Amino acid sequence: MATPLNGAETFEVLGQASAAGTAPAATTQTVRTRDVAQAPKLVASVVAAGTTQGTATVLSAAGLINVATGTANQGVLLPTSTTIVGKTIYVYNNTGATIKIYPFGTETIDGGSASAAVTLTSANRGASFTCLVSGNWESALIGAVSS
């Protein structure tokens, strides 16, 4: 049976029989399956609001953000990148509508225009926003595309 151990799991593994009719020897091996500390943690479930950078719902922390409700073209505002350089915010759109994600102040997303929003068009999809350099967010879509 697997036992969690600091991001690793321990398994009992049966070896090969050494001679005909003998039982295989059991050994224990530790296998690193994933780094638990890197898994995104749900930090908030929010309502998208406003249709401009100044009226969008403000996000305040890195981690997993579930945008649970909102109507077309409402949005959320990323926190200032100066406070979370090196961290990622995962925004999941569960609204059934197109939402907008705005950078803080005159910051940019993917090197675009200052203060310009990006659009998350597909319901039940998400995007990650990582701040590698203060003032700019890098984004990536998350989720399967269905036809």
Protein backbone atom coordinates (compact mmCIF):
# COMPACT_ATOMS: atom_id res chain seq x y z
CA MET A 1 0.00 0.00 0.00
CA ALA A 2 1.29 3.47 -0.88
CA THR A 3 2.30 5.77 1.96
CA PRO A 4 2.78 9.50 1.29
CA LEU A 5 6.27 10.61 2.29
CA ASN A 6 7.21 14.23 1.61
CA GLY A 7 6.01 14.26 -2.01
CA ALA A 8 7.07 10.65 -2.61
CA GLU A 9 5.27 7.35 -2.25
CA THR A 10 6.61 4.05 -0.93
CA PHE A 11 5.58 0.83 -2.64
CA GLU A 12 6.22 -2.83 -1.91
CA VAL A 13 7.63 -4.37 -5.07
CA LEU A 14 7.88 -8.10 -5.73
CA GLY A 15 11.13 -9.18 -7.35
CA GLN A 16 11.66 -12.04 -9.81
CA ALA A 17 11.87 -15.61 -8.57
CA SER A 18 15.47 -16.81 -8.38
CA ALA A 19 14.75 -20.49 -8.99
CA ALA A 20 11.83 -22.57 -10.13
CA GLY A 21 9.26 -22.95 -7.38
CA THR A 22 10.61 -20.25 -5.04
CA ALA A 23 8.62 -17.16 -4.09
CA PRO A 24 9.91 -13.75 -5.21
CA ALA A 25 11.50 -11.58 -2.54
CA ALA A 26 9.66 -8.42 -1.51
CA THR A 27 11.58 -5.14 -1.49
CA THR A 28 10.59 -1.59 -0.69
CA GLN A 29 11.29 1.24 -3.10
CA THR A 30 10.57 4.96 -2.80
CA VAL A 31 9.38 6.59 -6.01
CA ARG A 32 8.98 10.36 -6.38
CA THR A 33 5.64 10.82 -8.10
CA ARG A 34 5.11 14.58 -7.81
CA ASP A 35 6.04 17.50 -5.64
CA VAL A 36 2.99 18.06 -3.46
CA ALA A 37 4.13 21.59 -2.55
CA GLN A 38 3.81 22.61 -6.24
CA ALA A 39 0.16 21.61 -6.61
CA PRO A 40 -2.05 24.72 -6.94
CA LYS A 41 -4.17 25.43 -3.89
CA LEU A 42 -7.68 26.87 -4.20
CA VAL A 43 -7.35 30.33 -2.67
CA ALA A 44 -10.67 31.87 -3.70
CA SER A 45 -13.93 31.41 -5.53
CA VAL A 46 -14.96 34.79 -6.95
CA VAL A 47 -17.63 36.50 -9.02
CA ALA A 48 -16.45 38.30 -12.17
CA ALA A 49 -17.56 41.93 -12.10
CA GLY A 50 -17.30 45.12 -14.10
CA THR A 51 -16.37 45.51 -17.73
CA THR A 52 -13.23 47.63 -17.26
CA GLN A 53 -9.94 47.31 -15.42
CA GLY A 54 -11.18 49.71 -12.76
CA THR A 55 -14.40 47.80 -12.03
CA ALA A 56 -13.18 44.17 -12.31
CA THR A 57 -13.02 41.89 -9.25
CA VAL A 58 -9.60 42.23 -7.61
CA LEU A 59 -7.56 39.05 -7.08
CA SER A 60 -5.20 39.17 -4.12
CA ALA A 61 -3.07 36.02 -4.02
CA ALA A 62 -1.25 33.45 -6.10
CA GLY A 63 -2.85 30.01 -6.40
CA LEU A 64 -6.03 28.65 -7.91
CA ILE A 65 -8.88 31.12 -8.49
CA ASN A 66 -12.29 29.76 -9.48
CA VAL A 67 -14.41 32.35 -11.28
CA ALA A 68 -17.75 30.83 -10.38
CA THR A 69 -20.24 33.36 -11.71
CA GLY A 70 -20.35 36.36 -13.99
CA THR A 71 -21.85 37.52 -17.26
CA ALA A 72 -20.31 38.17 -20.67
CA ASN A 73 -17.24 40.44 -20.67
CA GLN A 74 -17.07 40.86 -16.91
CA GLY A 75 -13.62 40.35 -15.47
CA VAL A 76 -11.02 39.88 -12.78
CA LEU A 77 -7.94 41.99 -12.04
CA LEU A 78 -4.56 40.38 -11.38
CA PRO A 79 -2.70 41.66 -8.31
CA THR A 80 0.32 43.91 -8.75
CA SER A 81 3.17 41.79 -10.08
CA THR A 82 5.70 43.43 -7.75
CA THR A 83 4.26 41.46 -4.83
CA ILE A 84 4.34 38.03 -6.46
CA VAL A 85 7.30 37.82 -8.85
CA GLY A 86 8.02 34.15 -9.51
CA LYS A 87 4.51 32.95 -8.64
CA THR A 88 1.54 31.79 -10.69
CA ILE A 89 -2.17 32.49 -10.55
CA TYR A 90 -4.45 29.90 -12.15
CA VAL A 91 -7.79 31.37 -13.26
CA TYR A 92 -10.59 28.91 -14.08
CA ASN A 93 -13.65 30.16 -15.93
CA ASN A 94 -16.70 28.28 -14.69
CA THR A 95 -19.18 31.02 -15.64
CA GLY A 96 -20.43 29.73 -18.98
CA ALA A 97 -19.59 33.18 -20.41
CA THR A 98 -16.59 34.98 -21.87
CA ILE A 99 -14.59 36.73 -19.15
CA LYS A 100 -11.66 39.15 -19.19
CA ILE A 101 -8.47 39.06 -17.15
CA TYR A 102 -6.85 42.46 -16.60
CA PRO A 103 -3.29 43.22 -15.49
CA PHE A 104 -2.79 45.61 -12.58
CA GLY A 105 -2.25 49.31 -13.42
CA THR A 106 -0.04 49.70 -16.52
CA GLU A 107 1.35 46.15 -16.37
CA THR A 108 1.12 43.88 -19.41
CA ILE A 109 0.09 40.33 -20.22
CA ASP A 110 2.32 38.49 -22.72
CA GLY A 111 4.06 41.76 -23.61
CA GLY A 112 0.85 43.28 -24.95
CA SER A 113 -0.39 46.82 -24.51
CA ALA A 114 -0.28 48.37 -21.04
CA SER A 115 -3.47 47.69 -19.04
CA ALA A 116 -4.96 45.53 -21.84
CA ALA A 117 -7.12 42.56 -20.86
CA VAL A 118 -6.95 39.07 -22.29
CA THR A 119 -10.14 37.13 -22.94
CA LEU A 120 -10.95 33.67 -21.66
CA THR A 121 -13.59 32.67 -24.21
CA SER A 122 -14.42 29.06 -23.49
CA ALA A 123 -16.55 28.12 -20.51
CA ASN A 124 -14.93 25.73 -18.06
CA ARG A 125 -11.43 26.55 -19.31
CA GLY A 126 -8.58 28.13 -17.51
CA ALA A 127 -5.34 30.01 -17.91
CA SER A 128 -2.21 30.39 -15.85
CA PHE A 129 -0.61 33.79 -15.29
CA THR A 130 3.00 33.74 -14.15
CA CYS A 131 4.99 36.82 -13.22
CA LEU A 132 8.63 36.24 -14.15
CA VAL A 133 9.56 39.92 -14.33
CA SER A 134 7.86 42.71 -12.40
CA GLY A 135 5.40 44.51 -14.69
CA ASN A 136 4.68 41.63 -17.07
CA TRP A 137 2.58 38.48 -16.81
CA GLU A 138 3.05 35.42 -19.05
CA SER A 139 -0.09 33.40 -19.75
CA ALA A 140 -0.90 29.91 -20.97
CA LEU A 141 -4.26 28.26 -21.65
CA ILE A 142 -5.19 25.24 -19.54
CA GLY A 143 -7.75 22.60 -20.44
CA ALA A 144 -8.82 20.34 -23.24
CA VAL A 145 -10.38 21.72 -26.37
CA SER A 146 -13.53 19.87 -27.40
CA SER A 147 -14.88 19.95 -30.91
